[in-house]
PDB file of N, CA and C in Angstrom:
ATOM      1  N   UNK A   1     -25.714  57.701 -33.790  1.00  0.00           N
ATOM      2  CA  UNK A   1     -26.932  58.280 -33.290  1.00  0.00           C
ATOM      3  C   UNK A   1     -28.164  57.628 -33.918  1.00  0.00           C
ATOM      4  N   UNK A   2     -28.018  56.445 -34.389  1.00  0.00           N
ATOM      5  CA  UNK A   2     -29.143  55.784 -35.039  1.00  0.00           C
ATOM      6  C   UNK A   2     -30.269  55.537 -34.036  1.00  0.00           C
ATOM      7  N   UNK A   3     -31.494  55.767 -34.472  1.00  0.00           N
ATOM      8  CA  UNK A   3     -32.632  55.510 -33.614  1.00  0.00           C
ATOM      9  C   UNK A   3     -33.032  56.669 -32.719  1.00  0.00           C
ATOM     10  N   UNK A   4     -32.384  57.803 -32.854  1.00  0.00           N
ATOM     11  CA  UNK A   4     -32.753  58.967 -32.045  1.00  0.00           C
ATOM     12  C   UNK A   4     -33.392  60.026 -32.933  1.00  0.00           C
ATOM     13  N   UNK A   5     -34.031  60.983 -32.305  1.00  0.00           N
ATOM     14  CA  UNK A   5     -34.659  62.051 -33.082  1.00  0.00           C
ATOM     15  C   UNK A   5     -33.599  62.857 -33.837  1.00  0.00           C
ATOM     16  N   UNK A   6     -32.490  63.120 -33.172  1.00  0.00           N
ATOM     17  CA  UNK A   6     -31.420  63.882 -33.818  1.00  0.00           C
ATOM     18  C   UNK A   6     -30.859  63.123 -35.019  1.00  0.00           C
ATOM     19  N   UNK A   7     -30.711  61.802 -34.869  1.00  0.00           N
ATOM     20  CA  UNK A   7     -30.221  60.988 -35.974  1.00  0.00           C
ATOM     21  C   UNK A   7     -31.186  60.979 -37.140  1.00  0.00           C
ATOM     22  N   UNK A   8     -32.485  60.935 -36.832  1.00  0.00           N
ATOM     23  CA  UNK A   8     -33.491  60.964 -37.879  1.00  0.00           C
ATOM     24  C   UNK A   8     -33.474  62.268 -38.647  1.00  0.00           C
ATOM     25  N   UNK A   9     -33.265  63.373 -37.930  1.00  0.00           N
ATOM     26  CA  UNK A   9     -33.195  64.680 -38.594  1.00  0.00           C
ATOM     27  C   UNK A   9     -31.965  64.777 -39.495  1.00  0.00           C
ATOM     28  N   UNK A  10     -30.859  64.194 -39.031  1.00  0.00           N
ATOM     29  CA  UNK A  10     -29.647  64.199 -39.861  1.00  0.00           C
ATOM     30  C   UNK A  10     -29.854  63.360 -41.126  1.00  0.00           C
ATOM     31  N   UNK A  11     -30.521  62.223 -40.979  1.00  0.00           N
ATOM     32  CA  UNK A  11     -30.782  61.369 -42.132  1.00  0.00           C
ATOM     33  C   UNK A  11     -31.693  62.084 -43.118  1.00  0.00           C
ATOM     34  N   UNK A  12     -32.730  62.766 -42.598  1.00  0.00           N
ATOM     35  CA  UNK A  12     -33.638  63.527 -43.464  1.00  0.00           C
ATOM     36  C   UNK A  12     -32.868  64.584 -44.246  1.00  0.00           C
ATOM     37  N   UNK A  13     -32.025  65.321 -43.548  1.00  0.00           N
ATOM     38  CA  UNK A  13     -31.248  66.368 -44.214  1.00  0.00           C
ATOM     39  C   UNK A  13     -30.329  65.793 -45.286  1.00  0.00           C
ATOM     40  N   UNK A  14     -29.719  64.652 -44.994  1.00  0.00           N
ATOM     41  CA  UNK A  14     -28.814  64.014 -45.954  1.00  0.00           C
ATOM     42  C   UNK A  14     -29.596  63.527 -47.175  1.00  0.00           C
ATOM     43  N   UNK A  15     -30.757  62.935 -46.942  1.00  0.00           N
ATOM     44  CA  UNK A  15     -31.578  62.451 -48.063  1.00  0.00           C
ATOM     45  C   UNK A  15     -32.020  63.608 -48.955  1.00  0.00           C
ATOM     46  N   UNK A  16     -32.438  64.702 -48.344  1.00  0.00           N
ATOM     47  CA  UNK A  16     -32.892  65.851 -49.128  1.00  0.00           C
ATOM     48  C   UNK A  16     -31.737  66.540 -49.843  1.00  0.00           C
ATOM     49  N   UNK A  17     -30.535  66.485 -49.276  1.00  0.00           N
ATOM     50  CA  UNK A  17     -29.368  67.074 -49.935  1.00  0.00           C
ATOM     51  C   UNK A  17     -29.023  66.292 -51.198  1.00  0.00           C
ATOM     52  N   UNK A  18     -29.152  64.965 -51.136  1.00  0.00           N
ATOM     53  CA  UNK A  18     -28.862  64.126 -52.303  1.00  0.00           C
ATOM     54  C   UNK A  18     -29.928  64.282 -53.375  1.00  0.00           C
ATOM     55  N   UNK A  19     -31.204  64.318 -52.952  1.00  0.00           N
ATOM     56  CA  UNK A  19     -32.312  64.380 -53.901  1.00  0.00           C
ATOM     57  C   UNK A  19     -33.462  65.165 -53.271  1.00  0.00           C
ATOM     58  N   UNK A  20     -33.726  66.372 -53.762  1.00  0.00           N
ATOM     59  CA  UNK A  20     -34.804  67.179 -53.168  1.00  0.00           C
ATOM     60  C   UNK A  20     -36.188  66.531 -53.256  1.00  0.00           C
ATOM     61  N   UNK A  21     -36.383  65.600 -54.177  1.00  0.00           N
ATOM     62  CA  UNK A  21     -37.671  64.929 -54.342  1.00  0.00           C
ATOM     63  C   UNK A  21     -37.685  63.537 -53.707  1.00  0.00           C
ATOM     64  N   UNK A  22     -36.778  63.288 -52.777  1.00  0.00           N
ATOM     65  CA  UNK A  22     -36.614  61.959 -52.180  1.00  0.00           C
ATOM     66  C   UNK A  22     -37.923  61.421 -51.615  1.00  0.00           C
ATOM     67  N   UNK A  23     -38.570  62.191 -50.763  1.00  0.00           N
ATOM     68  CA  UNK A  23     -39.775  61.699 -50.097  1.00  0.00           C
ATOM     69  C   UNK A  23     -40.976  61.693 -51.037  1.00  0.00           C
ATOM     70  N   UNK A  24     -41.011  62.585 -52.006  1.00  0.00           N
ATOM     71  CA  UNK A  24     -42.090  62.574 -52.996  1.00  0.00           C
ATOM     72  C   UNK A  24     -42.017  61.295 -53.828  1.00  0.00           C
ATOM     73  N   UNK A  25     -40.807  60.866 -54.170  1.00  0.00           N
ATOM     74  CA  UNK A  25     -40.637  59.633 -54.953  1.00  0.00           C
ATOM     75  C   UNK A  25     -41.092  58.409 -54.162  1.00  0.00           C
ATOM     76  N   UNK A  26     -40.768  58.384 -52.865  1.00  0.00           N
ATOM     77  CA  UNK A  26     -41.188  57.258 -52.030  1.00  0.00           C
ATOM     78  C   UNK A  26     -42.715  57.205 -51.962  1.00  0.00           C
ATOM     79  N   UNK A  27     -43.340  58.359 -51.782  1.00  0.00           N
ATOM     80  CA  UNK A  27     -44.797  58.408 -51.710  1.00  0.00           C
ATOM     81  C   UNK A  27     -45.447  57.988 -53.008  1.00  0.00           C
ATOM     82  N   UNK A  28     -44.862  58.376 -54.122  1.00  0.00           N
ATOM     83  CA  UNK A  28     -45.413  58.002 -55.424  1.00  0.00           C
ATOM     84  C   UNK A  28     -45.337  56.497 -55.628  1.00  0.00           C
ATOM     85  N   UNK A  29     -44.245  55.881 -55.191  1.00  0.00           N
ATOM     86  CA  UNK A  29     -44.110  54.427 -55.325  1.00  0.00           C
ATOM     87  C   UNK A  29     -45.189  53.721 -54.515  1.00  0.00           C
ATOM     88  N   UNK A  30     -45.439  54.205 -53.327  1.00  0.00           N
ATOM     89  CA  UNK A  30     -46.464  53.581 -52.493  1.00  0.00           C
ATOM     90  C   UNK A  30     -47.847  53.717 -53.115  1.00  0.00           C
ATOM     91  N   UNK A  31     -48.136  54.876 -53.673  1.00  0.00           N
ATOM     92  CA  UNK A  31     -49.440  55.082 -54.286  1.00  0.00           C
ATOM     93  C   UNK A  31     -49.649  54.224 -55.518  1.00  0.00           C
ATOM     94  N   UNK A  32     -48.599  54.019 -56.281  1.00  0.00           N
ATOM     95  CA  UNK A  32     -48.712  53.212 -57.499  1.00  0.00           C
ATOM     96  C   UNK A  32     -48.862  51.732 -57.197  1.00  0.00           C
ATOM     97  N   UNK A  33     -48.386  51.299 -56.021  1.00  0.00           N
ATOM     98  CA  UNK A  33     -48.467  49.883 -55.674  1.00  0.00           C
ATOM     99  C   UNK A  33     -49.833  49.488 -55.122  1.00  0.00           C
ATOM    100  N   UNK A  34     -50.708  50.459 -54.876  1.00  0.00           N
ATOM    101  CA  UNK A  34     -52.027  50.151 -54.337  1.00  0.00           C
ATOM    102  C   UNK A  34     -52.841  49.333 -55.328  1.00  0.00           C
ATOM    103  N   UNK A  35     -53.522  48.301 -54.840  1.00  0.00           N
ATOM    104  CA  UNK A  35     -54.287  47.426 -55.727  1.00  0.00           C
ATOM    105  C   UNK A  35     -55.740  47.261 -55.277  1.00  0.00           C
ATOM    106  N   UNK A  36     -56.112  47.858 -54.145  1.00  0.00           N
ATOM    107  CA  UNK A  36     -57.415  47.530 -53.585  1.00  0.00           C
ATOM    108  C   UNK A  36     -58.548  48.354 -54.166  1.00  0.00           C
ATOM    109  N   UNK A  37     -58.354  49.622 -54.417  1.00  0.00           N
ATOM    110  CA  UNK A  37     -59.432  50.463 -54.917  1.00  0.00           C
ATOM    111  C   UNK A  37     -60.310  50.980 -53.793  1.00  0.00           C
ATOM    112  N   UNK A  38     -60.782  50.080 -52.946  1.00  0.00           N
ATOM    113  CA  UNK A  38     -61.549  50.481 -51.780  1.00  0.00           C
ATOM    114  C   UNK A  38     -62.971  50.916 -52.109  1.00  0.00           C
ATOM    115  N   UNK A  39     -63.693  51.342 -51.088  1.00  0.00           N
ATOM    116  CA  UNK A  39     -65.082  51.737 -51.251  1.00  0.00           C
ATOM    117  C   UNK A  39     -65.212  53.054 -52.003  1.00  0.00           C
ATOM    118  N   UNK A  40     -64.206  53.898 -51.964  1.00  0.00           N
ATOM    119  CA  UNK A  40     -64.300  55.172 -52.664  1.00  0.00           C
ATOM    120  C   UNK A  40     -64.437  54.949 -54.167  1.00  0.00           C
ATOM    121  N   UNK A  41     -63.880  53.846 -54.659  1.00  0.00           N
ATOM    122  CA  UNK A  41     -63.942  53.550 -56.086  1.00  0.00           C
ATOM    123  C   UNK A  41     -65.285  52.937 -56.487  1.00  0.00           C
ATOM    124  N   UNK A  42     -66.042  52.421 -55.498  1.00  0.00           N
ATOM    125  CA  UNK A  42     -67.289  51.733 -55.818  1.00  0.00           C
ATOM    126  C   UNK A  42     -68.321  51.986 -54.715  1.00  0.00           C
ATOM    127  N   UNK A  43     -69.060  53.093 -54.779  1.00  0.00           N
ATOM    128  CA  UNK A  43     -70.029  53.418 -53.732  1.00  0.00           C
ATOM    129  C   UNK A  43     -71.144  52.384 -53.574  1.00  0.00           C
ATOM    130  N   UNK A  44     -71.519  51.734 -54.656  1.00  0.00           N
ATOM    131  CA  UNK A  44     -72.571  50.716 -54.571  1.00  0.00           C
ATOM    132  C   UNK A  44     -72.110  49.541 -53.717  1.00  0.00           C
ATOM    133  N   UNK A  45     -70.844  49.160 -53.859  1.00  0.00           N
ATOM    134  CA  UNK A  45     -70.284  48.087 -53.040  1.00  0.00           C
ATOM    135  C   UNK A  45     -70.268  48.492 -51.567  1.00  0.00           C
ATOM    136  N   UNK A  46     -69.984  49.752 -51.294  1.00  0.00           N
ATOM    137  CA  UNK A  46     -69.993  50.252 -49.923  1.00  0.00           C
ATOM    138  C   UNK A  46     -71.394  50.166 -49.336  1.00  0.00           C
ATOM    139  N   UNK A  47     -72.398  50.493 -50.121  1.00  0.00           N
ATOM    140  CA  UNK A  47     -73.784  50.434 -49.648  1.00  0.00           C
ATOM    141  C   UNK A  47     -74.169  48.996 -49.302  1.00  0.00           C
ATOM    142  N   UNK A  48     -73.795  48.060 -50.161  1.00  0.00           N
ATOM    143  CA  UNK A  48     -74.119  46.648 -49.933  1.00  0.00           C
ATOM    144  C   UNK A  48     -73.417  46.135 -48.671  1.00  0.00           C
ATOM    145  N   UNK A  49     -72.146  46.489 -48.519  1.00  0.00           N
ATOM    146  CA  UNK A  49     -71.392  46.036 -47.350  1.00  0.00           C
ATOM    147  C   UNK A  49     -71.964  46.625 -46.070  1.00  0.00           C
ATOM    148  N   UNK A  50     -72.385  47.883 -46.099  1.00  0.00           N
ATOM    149  CA  UNK A  50     -72.985  48.504 -44.925  1.00  0.00           C
ATOM    150  C   UNK A  50     -74.299  47.845 -44.545  1.00  0.00           C
ATOM    151  N   UNK A  51     -75.075  47.471 -45.545  1.00  0.00           N
ATOM    152  CA  UNK A  51     -76.346  46.796 -45.278  1.00  0.00           C
ATOM    153  C   UNK A  51     -76.113  45.429 -44.650  1.00  0.00           C
ATOM    154  N   UNK A  52     -75.110  44.710 -45.142  1.00  0.00           N
ATOM    155  CA  UNK A  52     -74.783  43.406 -44.556  1.00  0.00           C
ATOM    156  C   UNK A  52     -74.364  43.573 -43.103  1.00  0.00           C
ATOM    157  N   UNK A  53     -73.531  44.557 -42.849  1.00  0.00           N
ATOM    158  CA  UNK A  53     -73.084  44.802 -41.482  1.00  0.00           C
ATOM    159  C   UNK A  53     -74.230  45.170 -40.567  1.00  0.00           C
ATOM    160  N   UNK A  54     -75.180  45.930 -41.070  1.00  0.00           N
ATOM    161  CA  UNK A  54     -76.335  46.298 -40.271  1.00  0.00           C
ATOM    162  C   UNK A  54     -77.220  45.110 -39.936  1.00  0.00           C
ATOM    163  N   UNK A  55     -77.329  44.176 -40.852  1.00  0.00           N
ATOM    164  CA  UNK A  55     -78.162  42.999 -40.617  1.00  0.00           C
ATOM    165  C   UNK A  55     -77.573  42.080 -39.555  1.00  0.00           C
ATOM    166  N   UNK A  56     -76.248  41.986 -39.498  1.00  0.00           N
ATOM    167  CA  UNK A  56     -75.624  41.061 -38.541  1.00  0.00           C
ATOM    168  C   UNK A  56     -75.114  41.776 -37.299  1.00  0.00           C
ATOM    169  N   UNK A  57     -75.552  43.012 -37.093  1.00  0.00           N
ATOM    170  CA  UNK A  57     -75.091  43.801 -35.959  1.00  0.00           C
ATOM    171  C   UNK A  57     -75.420  43.108 -34.646  1.00  0.00           C
ATOM    172  N   UNK A  58     -74.504  43.188 -33.679  1.00  0.00           N
ATOM    173  CA  UNK A  58     -74.690  42.587 -32.364  1.00  0.00           C
ATOM    174  C   UNK A  58     -75.341  43.570 -31.389  1.00  0.00           C
ATOM    175  N   UNK A  59     -75.527  44.804 -31.805  1.00  0.00           N
ATOM    176  CA  UNK A  59     -76.131  45.801 -30.929  1.00  0.00           C
ATOM    177  C   UNK A  59     -77.608  45.506 -30.732  1.00  0.00           C
ATOM    178  N   UNK A  60     -78.096  45.862 -29.546  1.00  0.00           N
ATOM    179  CA  UNK A  60     -79.523  45.698 -29.303  1.00  0.00           C
ATOM    180  C   UNK A  60     -80.276  46.848 -29.963  1.00  0.00           C
ATOM    181  N   UNK A  61     -81.529  46.603 -30.291  1.00  0.00           N
ATOM    182  CA  UNK A  61     -82.334  47.621 -30.941  1.00  0.00           C
ATOM    183  C   UNK A  61     -82.688  48.704 -29.935  1.00  0.00           C
ATOM    184  N   UNK A  62     -82.708  49.932 -30.382  1.00  0.00           N
ATOM    185  CA  UNK A  62     -83.042  51.061 -29.512  1.00  0.00           C
ATOM    186  C   UNK A  62     -84.547  51.049 -29.239  1.00  0.00           C
ATOM    187  N   UNK A  63     -84.917  51.142 -27.974  1.00  0.00           N
ATOM    188  CA  UNK A  63     -86.321  51.134 -27.595  1.00  0.00           C
ATOM    189  C   UNK A  63     -86.783  52.581 -27.461  1.00  0.00           C
ATOM    190  N   UNK A  64     -87.804  52.943 -28.225  1.00  0.00           N
ATOM    191  CA  UNK A  64     -88.364  54.289 -28.166  1.00  0.00           C
ATOM    192  C   UNK A  64     -89.571  54.245 -27.248  1.00  0.00           C
ATOM    193  N   UNK A  65     -89.535  55.041 -26.177  1.00  0.00           N
ATOM    194  CA  UNK A  65     -90.666  55.015 -25.244  1.00  0.00           C
ATOM    195  C   UNK A  65     -91.439  56.304 -25.209  1.00  0.00           C
TER     196      UNK A  65
END
């Protein structure tokens, strides 16, 4: 039944029976492997990047009449 919803549910049940923290461990590994930091770690960098994007924007300027 590989590749079906029923097969996936059986695999989930089997994984949780072997180790109740199976999916928590997988998630922790993924979080620890992160290396980017992103804009949340550096708001000043986000501000600079947004300003650059605004300067090179392809949108036309809004005309106020």
